[in-house]
């Protein structure tokens, strides 16, 4: 029994081996939310075409530490 005959001898129906990116067939970094099944690299390229928008709320600036708070204070003036 050689390595080729044993490796992937039965198809996977579950786990990471069963899922891949629908664009590039990459298996790592898969975004499965909302049934996208796209790897993160392809998502960054195709997100605008799909209809996603990058939204940054003012409250997220406080999470960046002191530098973010200074920038927020400058914006309030």
PDB file of N, CA and C in Angstrom:
ATOM      1  N   UNK A   1       0.842  -1.166   0.000  1.00  0.00           N
ATOM      2  CA  UNK A   1       0.000   0.000   0.000  1.00  0.00           C
ATOM      3  C   UNK A   1       0.892   1.236   0.000  1.00  0.00           C
ATOM      4  N   UNK A   2       0.854   1.977  -1.061  1.00  0.00           N
ATOM      5  CA  UNK A   2       1.703   3.158  -1.175  1.00  0.00           C
ATOM      6  C   UNK A   2       0.994   4.387  -0.595  1.00  0.00           C
ATOM      7  N   UNK A   3       1.765   5.445  -0.494  1.00  0.00           N
ATOM      8  CA  UNK A   3       1.241   6.686   0.077  1.00  0.00           C
ATOM      9  C   UNK A   3       0.100   7.240  -0.772  1.00  0.00           C
ATOM     10  N   UNK A   4       0.218   7.162  -2.075  1.00  0.00           N
ATOM     11  CA  UNK A   4      -0.800   7.725  -2.970  1.00  0.00           C
ATOM     12  C   UNK A   4      -2.137   7.012  -2.838  1.00  0.00           C
ATOM     13  N   UNK A   5      -2.101   5.712  -2.585  1.00  0.00           N
ATOM     14  CA  UNK A   5      -3.355   4.976  -2.488  1.00  0.00           C
ATOM     15  C   UNK A   5      -4.055   5.200  -1.144  1.00  0.00           C
ATOM     16  N   UNK A   6      -3.293   5.581  -0.123  1.00  0.00           N
ATOM     17  CA  UNK A   6      -3.877   5.801   1.195  1.00  0.00           C
ATOM     18  C   UNK A   6      -4.297   7.255   1.378  1.00  0.00           C
ATOM     19  N   UNK A   7      -3.505   8.190   0.853  1.00  0.00           N
ATOM     20  CA  UNK A   7      -3.780   9.609   1.032  1.00  0.00           C
ATOM     21  C   UNK A   7      -5.080   9.987   0.342  1.00  0.00           C
ATOM     22  N   UNK A   8      -5.988  10.563   1.089  1.00  0.00           N
ATOM     23  CA  UNK A   8      -7.292  10.998   0.580  1.00  0.00           C
ATOM     24  C   UNK A   8      -8.035   9.841  -0.089  1.00  0.00           C
ATOM     25  N   UNK A   9      -7.983   8.676   0.532  1.00  0.00           N
ATOM     26  CA  UNK A   9      -8.607   7.500  -0.059  1.00  0.00           C
ATOM     27  C   UNK A   9     -10.126   7.542   0.033  1.00  0.00           C
ATOM     28  N   UNK A  10     -10.646   8.274   0.993  1.00  0.00           N
ATOM     29  CA  UNK A  10     -12.094   8.435   1.049  1.00  0.00           C
ATOM     30  C   UNK A  10     -12.412   9.923   1.081  1.00  0.00           C
ATOM     31  N   UNK A  11     -13.430  10.344   0.404  1.00  0.00           N
ATOM     32  CA  UNK A  11     -13.754  11.771   0.355  1.00  0.00           C
ATOM     33  C   UNK A  11     -14.224  12.280   1.716  1.00  0.00           C
ATOM     34  N   UNK A  12     -13.889  13.518   2.012  1.00  0.00           N
ATOM     35  CA  UNK A  12     -14.268  14.140   3.276  1.00  0.00           C
ATOM     36  C   UNK A  12     -15.634  14.815   3.126  1.00  0.00           C
ATOM     37  N   UNK A  13     -16.479  14.600   4.098  1.00  0.00           N
ATOM     38  CA  UNK A  13     -17.774  15.254   4.097  1.00  0.00           C
ATOM     39  C   UNK A  13     -17.903  16.268   5.211  1.00  0.00           C
ATOM     40  N   UNK A  14     -16.846  16.424   5.997  1.00  0.00           N
ATOM     41  CA  UNK A  14     -16.886  17.302   7.158  1.00  0.00           C
ATOM     42  C   UNK A  14     -15.478  17.807   7.426  1.00  0.00           C
ATOM     43  N   UNK A  15     -15.361  18.856   8.213  1.00  0.00           N
ATOM     44  CA  UNK A  15     -14.060  19.383   8.601  1.00  0.00           C
ATOM     45  C   UNK A  15     -13.449  20.299   7.559  1.00  0.00           C
ATOM     46  N   UNK A  16     -12.209  20.720   7.843  1.00  0.00           N
ATOM     47  CA  UNK A  16     -11.527  21.668   6.961  1.00  0.00           C
ATOM     48  C   UNK A  16     -11.226  21.073   5.597  1.00  0.00           C
ATOM     49  N   UNK A  17     -11.029  19.789   5.532  1.00  0.00           N
ATOM     50  CA  UNK A  17     -10.713  19.154   4.260  1.00  0.00           C
ATOM     51  C   UNK A  17     -11.863  19.141   3.278  1.00  0.00           C
ATOM     52  N   UNK A  18     -13.070  19.345   3.775  1.00  0.00           N
ATOM     53  CA  UNK A  18     -14.245  19.307   2.908  1.00  0.00           C
ATOM     54  C   UNK A  18     -14.582  20.670   2.330  1.00  0.00           C
ATOM     55  N   UNK A  19     -13.995  21.738   2.885  1.00  0.00           N
ATOM     56  CA  UNK A  19     -14.363  23.091   2.468  1.00  0.00           C
ATOM     57  C   UNK A  19     -13.203  23.782   1.774  1.00  0.00           C
ATOM     58  N   UNK A  20     -13.524  24.556   0.755  1.00  0.00           N
ATOM     59  CA  UNK A  20     -12.500  25.344   0.076  1.00  0.00           C
ATOM     60  C   UNK A  20     -13.144  26.610  -0.485  1.00  0.00           C
ATOM     61  N   UNK A  21     -12.303  27.545  -0.862  1.00  0.00           N
ATOM     62  CA  UNK A  21     -12.766  28.812  -1.431  1.00  0.00           C
ATOM     63  C   UNK A  21     -13.435  28.544  -2.772  1.00  0.00           C
ATOM     64  N   UNK A  22     -14.567  29.181  -2.995  1.00  0.00           N
ATOM     65  CA  UNK A  22     -15.265  28.964  -4.258  1.00  0.00           C
ATOM     66  C   UNK A  22     -14.629  29.733  -5.417  1.00  0.00           C
ATOM     67  N   UNK A  23     -13.702  30.649  -5.115  1.00  0.00           N
ATOM     68  CA  UNK A  23     -13.029  31.414  -6.165  1.00  0.00           C
ATOM     69  C   UNK A  23     -11.722  30.752  -6.571  1.00  0.00           C
ATOM     70  N   UNK A  24     -10.859  30.476  -5.570  1.00  0.00           N
ATOM     71  CA  UNK A  24      -9.510  29.996  -5.888  1.00  0.00           C
ATOM     72  C   UNK A  24      -9.220  28.600  -5.337  1.00  0.00           C
ATOM     73  N   UNK A  25     -10.180  27.952  -4.708  1.00  0.00           N
ATOM     74  CA  UNK A  25     -10.065  26.612  -4.113  1.00  0.00           C
ATOM     75  C   UNK A  25      -9.015  26.526  -3.016  1.00  0.00           C
ATOM     76  N   UNK A  26      -8.654  27.659  -2.392  1.00  0.00           N
ATOM     77  CA  UNK A  26      -7.727  27.664  -1.260  1.00  0.00           C
ATOM     78  C   UNK A  26      -8.479  27.173  -0.027  1.00  0.00           C
ATOM     79  N   UNK A  27      -7.791  26.484   0.875  1.00  0.00           N
ATOM     80  CA  UNK A  27      -8.469  25.892   2.029  1.00  0.00           C
ATOM     81  C   UNK A  27      -8.277  26.672   3.327  1.00  0.00           C
ATOM     82  N   UNK A  28      -7.310  27.564   3.390  1.00  0.00           N
ATOM     83  CA  UNK A  28      -7.022  28.282   4.638  1.00  0.00           C
ATOM     84  C   UNK A  28      -7.674  29.661   4.632  1.00  0.00           C
ATOM     85  N   UNK A  29      -8.003  30.172   5.810  1.00  0.00           N
ATOM     86  CA  UNK A  29      -8.570  31.515   5.940  1.00  0.00           C
ATOM     87  C   UNK A  29      -9.946  31.642   5.337  1.00  0.00           C
ATOM     88  N   UNK A  30     -10.764  30.625   5.472  1.00  0.00           N
ATOM     89  CA  UNK A  30     -12.064  30.589   4.819  1.00  0.00           C
ATOM     90  C   UNK A  30     -13.097  31.375   5.624  1.00  0.00           C
ATOM     91  N   UNK A  31     -13.841  32.244   4.958  1.00  0.00           N
ATOM     92  CA  UNK A  31     -14.936  32.987   5.574  1.00  0.00           C
ATOM     93  C   UNK A  31     -16.219  32.260   5.213  1.00  0.00           C
ATOM     94  N   UNK A  32     -16.820  31.632   6.214  1.00  0.00           N
ATOM     95  CA  UNK A  32     -18.013  30.819   5.983  1.00  0.00           C
ATOM     96  C   UNK A  32     -19.297  31.548   6.337  1.00  0.00           C
ATOM     97  N   UNK A  33     -19.185  32.704   6.969  1.00  0.00           N
ATOM     98  CA  UNK A  33     -20.361  33.432   7.427  1.00  0.00           C
ATOM     99  C   UNK A  33     -21.237  33.832   6.244  1.00  0.00           C
ATOM    100  N   UNK A  34     -22.544  33.751   6.440  1.00  0.00           N
ATOM    101  CA  UNK A  34     -23.553  34.048   5.419  1.00  0.00           C
ATOM    102  C   UNK A  34     -23.433  33.130   4.207  1.00  0.00           C
ATOM    103  N   UNK A  35     -22.754  31.991   4.354  1.00  0.00           N
ATOM    104  CA  UNK A  35     -22.613  31.058   3.238  1.00  0.00           C
ATOM    105  C   UNK A  35     -21.679  31.550   2.153  1.00  0.00           C
ATOM    106  N   UNK A  36     -20.750  32.452   2.490  1.00  0.00           N
ATOM    107  CA  UNK A  36     -19.835  32.993   1.484  1.00  0.00           C
ATOM    108  C   UNK A  36     -18.870  31.932   0.973  1.00  0.00           C
ATOM    109  N   UNK A  37     -18.212  31.208   1.893  1.00  0.00           N
ATOM    110  CA  UNK A  37     -17.207  30.200   1.545  1.00  0.00           C
ATOM    111  C   UNK A  37     -16.142  30.766   0.608  1.00  0.00           C
ATOM    112  N   UNK A  38     -15.579  31.904   1.011  1.00  0.00           N
ATOM    113  CA  UNK A  38     -14.523  32.572   0.249  1.00  0.00           C
ATOM    114  C   UNK A  38     -13.342  32.781   1.191  1.00  0.00           C
ATOM    115  N   UNK A  39     -12.122  32.576   0.701  1.00  0.00           N
ATOM    116  CA  UNK A  39     -10.953  32.811   1.543  1.00  0.00           C
ATOM    117  C   UNK A  39     -10.789  34.321   1.745  1.00  0.00           C
ATOM    118  N   UNK A  40     -10.046  34.684   2.779  1.00  0.00           N
ATOM    119  CA  UNK A  40      -9.955  36.096   3.149  1.00  0.00           C
ATOM    120  C   UNK A  40      -9.279  36.932   2.074  1.00  0.00           C
ATOM    121  N   UNK A  41      -8.350  36.347   1.324  1.00  0.00           N
ATOM    122  CA  UNK A  41      -7.680  37.098   0.267  1.00  0.00           C
ATOM    123  C   UNK A  41      -8.665  37.430  -0.861  1.00  0.00           C
ATOM    124  N   UNK A  42      -9.453  36.453  -1.266  1.00  0.00           N
ATOM    125  CA  UNK A  42     -10.446  36.696  -2.316  1.00  0.00           C
ATOM    126  C   UNK A  42     -11.547  37.627  -1.823  1.00  0.00           C
ATOM    127  N   UNK A  43     -11.877  37.547  -0.531  1.00  0.00           N
ATOM    128  CA  UNK A  43     -12.898  38.438   0.010  1.00  0.00           C
ATOM    129  C   UNK A  43     -12.463  39.889  -0.079  1.00  0.00           C
ATOM    130  N   UNK A  44     -11.190  40.160   0.204  1.00  0.00           N
ATOM    131  CA  UNK A  44     -10.698  41.534   0.106  1.00  0.00           C
ATOM    132  C   UNK A  44     -10.762  42.043  -1.329  1.00  0.00           C
ATOM    133  N   UNK A  45     -10.550  41.160  -2.292  1.00  0.00           N
ATOM    134  CA  UNK A  45     -10.608  41.566  -3.695  1.00  0.00           C
ATOM    135  C   UNK A  45     -12.044  41.753  -4.173  1.00  0.00           C
ATOM    136  N   UNK A  46     -12.955  40.900  -3.746  1.00  0.00           N
ATOM    137  CA  UNK A  46     -14.306  40.856  -4.302  1.00  0.00           C
ATOM    138  C   UNK A  46     -15.369  41.479  -3.409  1.00  0.00           C
ATOM    139  N   UNK A  47     -15.001  42.006  -2.238  1.00  0.00           N
ATOM    140  CA  UNK A  47     -16.009  42.471  -1.282  1.00  0.00           C
ATOM    141  C   UNK A  47     -16.876  43.599  -1.844  1.00  0.00           C
ATOM    142  N   UNK A  48     -16.296  44.515  -2.573  1.00  0.00           N
ATOM    143  CA  UNK A  48     -17.091  45.613  -3.145  1.00  0.00           C
ATOM    144  C   UNK A  48     -18.058  45.091  -4.200  1.00  0.00           C
ATOM    145  N   UNK A  49     -17.636  44.109  -4.977  1.00  0.00           N
ATOM    146  CA  UNK A  49     -18.516  43.527  -5.993  1.00  0.00           C
ATOM    147  C   UNK A  49     -19.687  42.787  -5.357  1.00  0.00           C
ATOM    148  N   UNK A  50     -19.441  42.158  -4.211  1.00  0.00           N
ATOM    149  CA  UNK A  50     -20.487  41.417  -3.515  1.00  0.00           C
ATOM    150  C   UNK A  50     -21.480  42.378  -2.876  1.00  0.00           C
ATOM    151  N   UNK A  51     -21.005  43.543  -2.434  1.00  0.00           N
ATOM    152  CA  UNK A  51     -21.882  44.532  -1.825  1.00  0.00           C
ATOM    153  C   UNK A  51     -21.526  44.890  -0.401  1.00  0.00           C
ATOM    154  N   UNK A  52     -20.380  44.437   0.089  1.00  0.00           N
ATOM    155  CA  UNK A  52     -19.943  44.786   1.436  1.00  0.00           C
ATOM    156  C   UNK A  52     -19.289  46.159   1.414  1.00  0.00           C
ATOM    157  N   UNK A  53     -19.509  46.915   2.495  1.00  0.00           N
ATOM    158  CA  UNK A  53     -18.887  48.217   2.651  1.00  0.00           C
ATOM    159  C   UNK A  53     -18.116  48.230   3.956  1.00  0.00           C
ATOM    160  N   UNK A  54     -16.961  48.850   3.957  1.00  0.00           N
ATOM    161  CA  UNK A  54     -16.173  48.966   5.171  1.00  0.00           C
ATOM    162  C   UNK A  54     -16.717  50.133   5.974  1.00  0.00           C
ATOM    163  N   UNK A  55     -17.176  49.855   7.178  1.00  0.00           N
ATOM    164  CA  UNK A  55     -17.778  50.862   8.037  1.00  0.00           C
ATOM    165  C   UNK A  55     -16.926  50.985   9.285  1.00  0.00           C
ATOM    166  N   UNK A  56     -16.569  52.204   9.622  1.00  0.00           N
ATOM    167  CA  UNK A  56     -15.792  52.450  10.833  1.00  0.00           C
ATOM    168  C   UNK A  56     -16.541  53.465  11.668  1.00  0.00           C
ATOM    169  N   UNK A  57     -16.994  53.042  12.822  1.00  0.00           N
ATOM    170  CA  UNK A  57     -17.756  53.929  13.692  1.00  0.00           C
ATOM    171  C   UNK A  57     -16.809  54.749  14.561  1.00  0.00           C
ATOM    172  N   UNK A  58     -17.238  55.919  15.025  1.00  0.00           N
ATOM    173  CA  UNK A  58     -16.380  56.737  15.892  1.00  0.00           C
ATOM    174  C   UNK A  58     -16.023  56.039  17.195  1.00  0.00           C
ATOM    175  N   UNK A  59     -16.868  55.139  17.682  1.00  0.00           N
ATOM    176  CA  UNK A  59     -16.559  54.449  18.934  1.00  0.00           C
ATOM    177  C   UNK A  59     -15.392  53.489  18.773  1.00  0.00           C
ATOM    178  N   UNK A  60     -15.106  53.043  17.557  1.00  0.00           N
ATOM    179  CA  UNK A  60     -13.982  52.125  17.360  1.00  0.00           C
ATOM    180  C   UNK A  60     -12.643  52.835  17.502  1.00  0.00           C
ATOM    181  N   UNK A  61     -12.629  54.163  17.430  1.00  0.00           N
ATOM    182  CA  UNK A  61     -11.384  54.913  17.582  1.00  0.00           C
ATOM    183  C   UNK A  61     -10.873  54.790  19.014  1.00  0.00           C
ATOM    184  N   UNK A  62     -11.772  54.692  19.989  1.00  0.00           N
ATOM    185  CA  UNK A  62     -11.361  54.569  21.388  1.00  0.00           C
ATOM    186  C   UNK A  62     -10.633  53.256  21.648  1.00  0.00           C
ATOM    187  N   UNK A  63     -10.873  52.247  20.848  1.00  0.00           N
ATOM    188  CA  UNK A  63     -10.233  50.953  21.048  1.00  0.00           C
ATOM    189  C   UNK A  63      -8.766  50.969  20.651  1.00  0.00           C
ATOM    190  N   UNK A  64      -8.322  51.980  19.930  1.00  0.00           N
ATOM    191  CA  UNK A  64      -6.946  52.032  19.452  1.00  0.00           C
ATOM    192  C   UNK A  64      -5.970  52.555  20.493  1.00  0.00           C
ATOM    193  N   UNK A  65      -6.429  52.962  21.645  1.00  0.00           N
ATOM    194  CA  UNK A  65      -5.530  53.452  22.677  1.00  0.00           C
ATOM    195  C   UNK A  65      -5.487  54.969  22.721  1.00  0.00           C
ATOM    196  N   UNK A  66      -4.449  55.485  23.335  1.00  0.00           N
ATOM    197  CA  UNK A  66      -4.330  56.925  23.555  1.00  0.00           C
ATOM    198  C   UNK A  66      -4.236  57.692  22.245  1.00  0.00           C
ATOM    199  N   UNK A  67      -3.524  57.160  21.262  1.00  0.00           N
ATOM    200  CA  UNK A  67      -3.384  57.850  19.980  1.00  0.00           C
ATOM    201  C   UNK A  67      -4.719  58.056  19.295  1.00  0.00           C
ATOM    202  N   UNK A  68      -5.595  57.074  19.398  1.00  0.00           N
ATOM    203  CA  UNK A  68      -6.916  57.193  18.801  1.00  0.00           C
ATOM    204  C   UNK A  68      -7.760  58.232  19.500  1.00  0.00           C
ATOM    205  N   UNK A  69      -7.610  58.343  20.823  1.00  0.00           N
ATOM    206  CA  UNK A  69      -8.381  59.326  21.570  1.00  0.00           C
ATOM    207  C   UNK A  69      -7.943  60.738  21.217  1.00  0.00           C
ATOM    208  N   UNK A  70      -6.670  60.942  21.000  1.00  0.00           N
ATOM    209  CA  UNK A  70      -6.178  62.265  20.624  1.00  0.00           C
ATOM    210  C   UNK A  70      -6.741  62.646  19.263  1.00  0.00           C
ATOM    211  N   UNK A  71      -6.772  61.701  18.346  1.00  0.00           N
ATOM    212  CA  UNK A  71      -7.315  61.990  17.017  1.00  0.00           C
ATOM    213  C   UNK A  71      -8.794  62.316  17.098  1.00  0.00           C
ATOM    214  N   UNK A  72      -9.516  61.626  17.986  1.00  0.00           N
ATOM    215  CA  UNK A  72     -10.932  61.906  18.134  1.00  0.00           C
ATOM    216  C   UNK A  72     -11.143  63.299  18.704  1.00  0.00           C
ATOM    217  N   UNK A  73     -10.343  63.706  19.667  1.00  0.00           N
ATOM    218  CA  UNK A  73     -10.456  65.045  20.239  1.00  0.00           C
ATOM    219  C   UNK A  73     -10.157  66.105  19.187  1.00  0.00           C
ATOM    220  N   UNK A  74      -9.207  65.839  18.301  1.00  0.00           N
ATOM    221  CA  UNK A  74      -8.913  66.786  17.232  1.00  0.00           C
ATOM    222  C   UNK A  74     -10.099  66.917  16.286  1.00  0.00           C
ATOM    223  N   UNK A  75     -10.810  65.820  16.063  1.00  0.00           N
ATOM    224  CA  UNK A  75     -11.956  65.866  15.163  1.00  0.00           C
ATOM    225  C   UNK A  75     -13.117  66.628  15.790  1.00  0.00           C
ATOM    226  N   UNK A  76     -13.232  66.600  17.123  1.00  0.00           N
ATOM    227  CA  UNK A  76     -14.333  67.289  17.790  1.00  0.00           C
ATOM    228  C   UNK A  76     -14.155  68.799  17.788  1.00  0.00           C
ATOM    229  N   UNK A  77     -12.936  69.288  17.701  1.00  0.00           N
ATOM    230  CA  UNK A  77     -12.684  70.738  17.709  1.00  0.00           C
ATOM    231  C   UNK A  77     -13.098  71.400  16.423  1.00  0.00           C
TER     232      UNK A  77
END
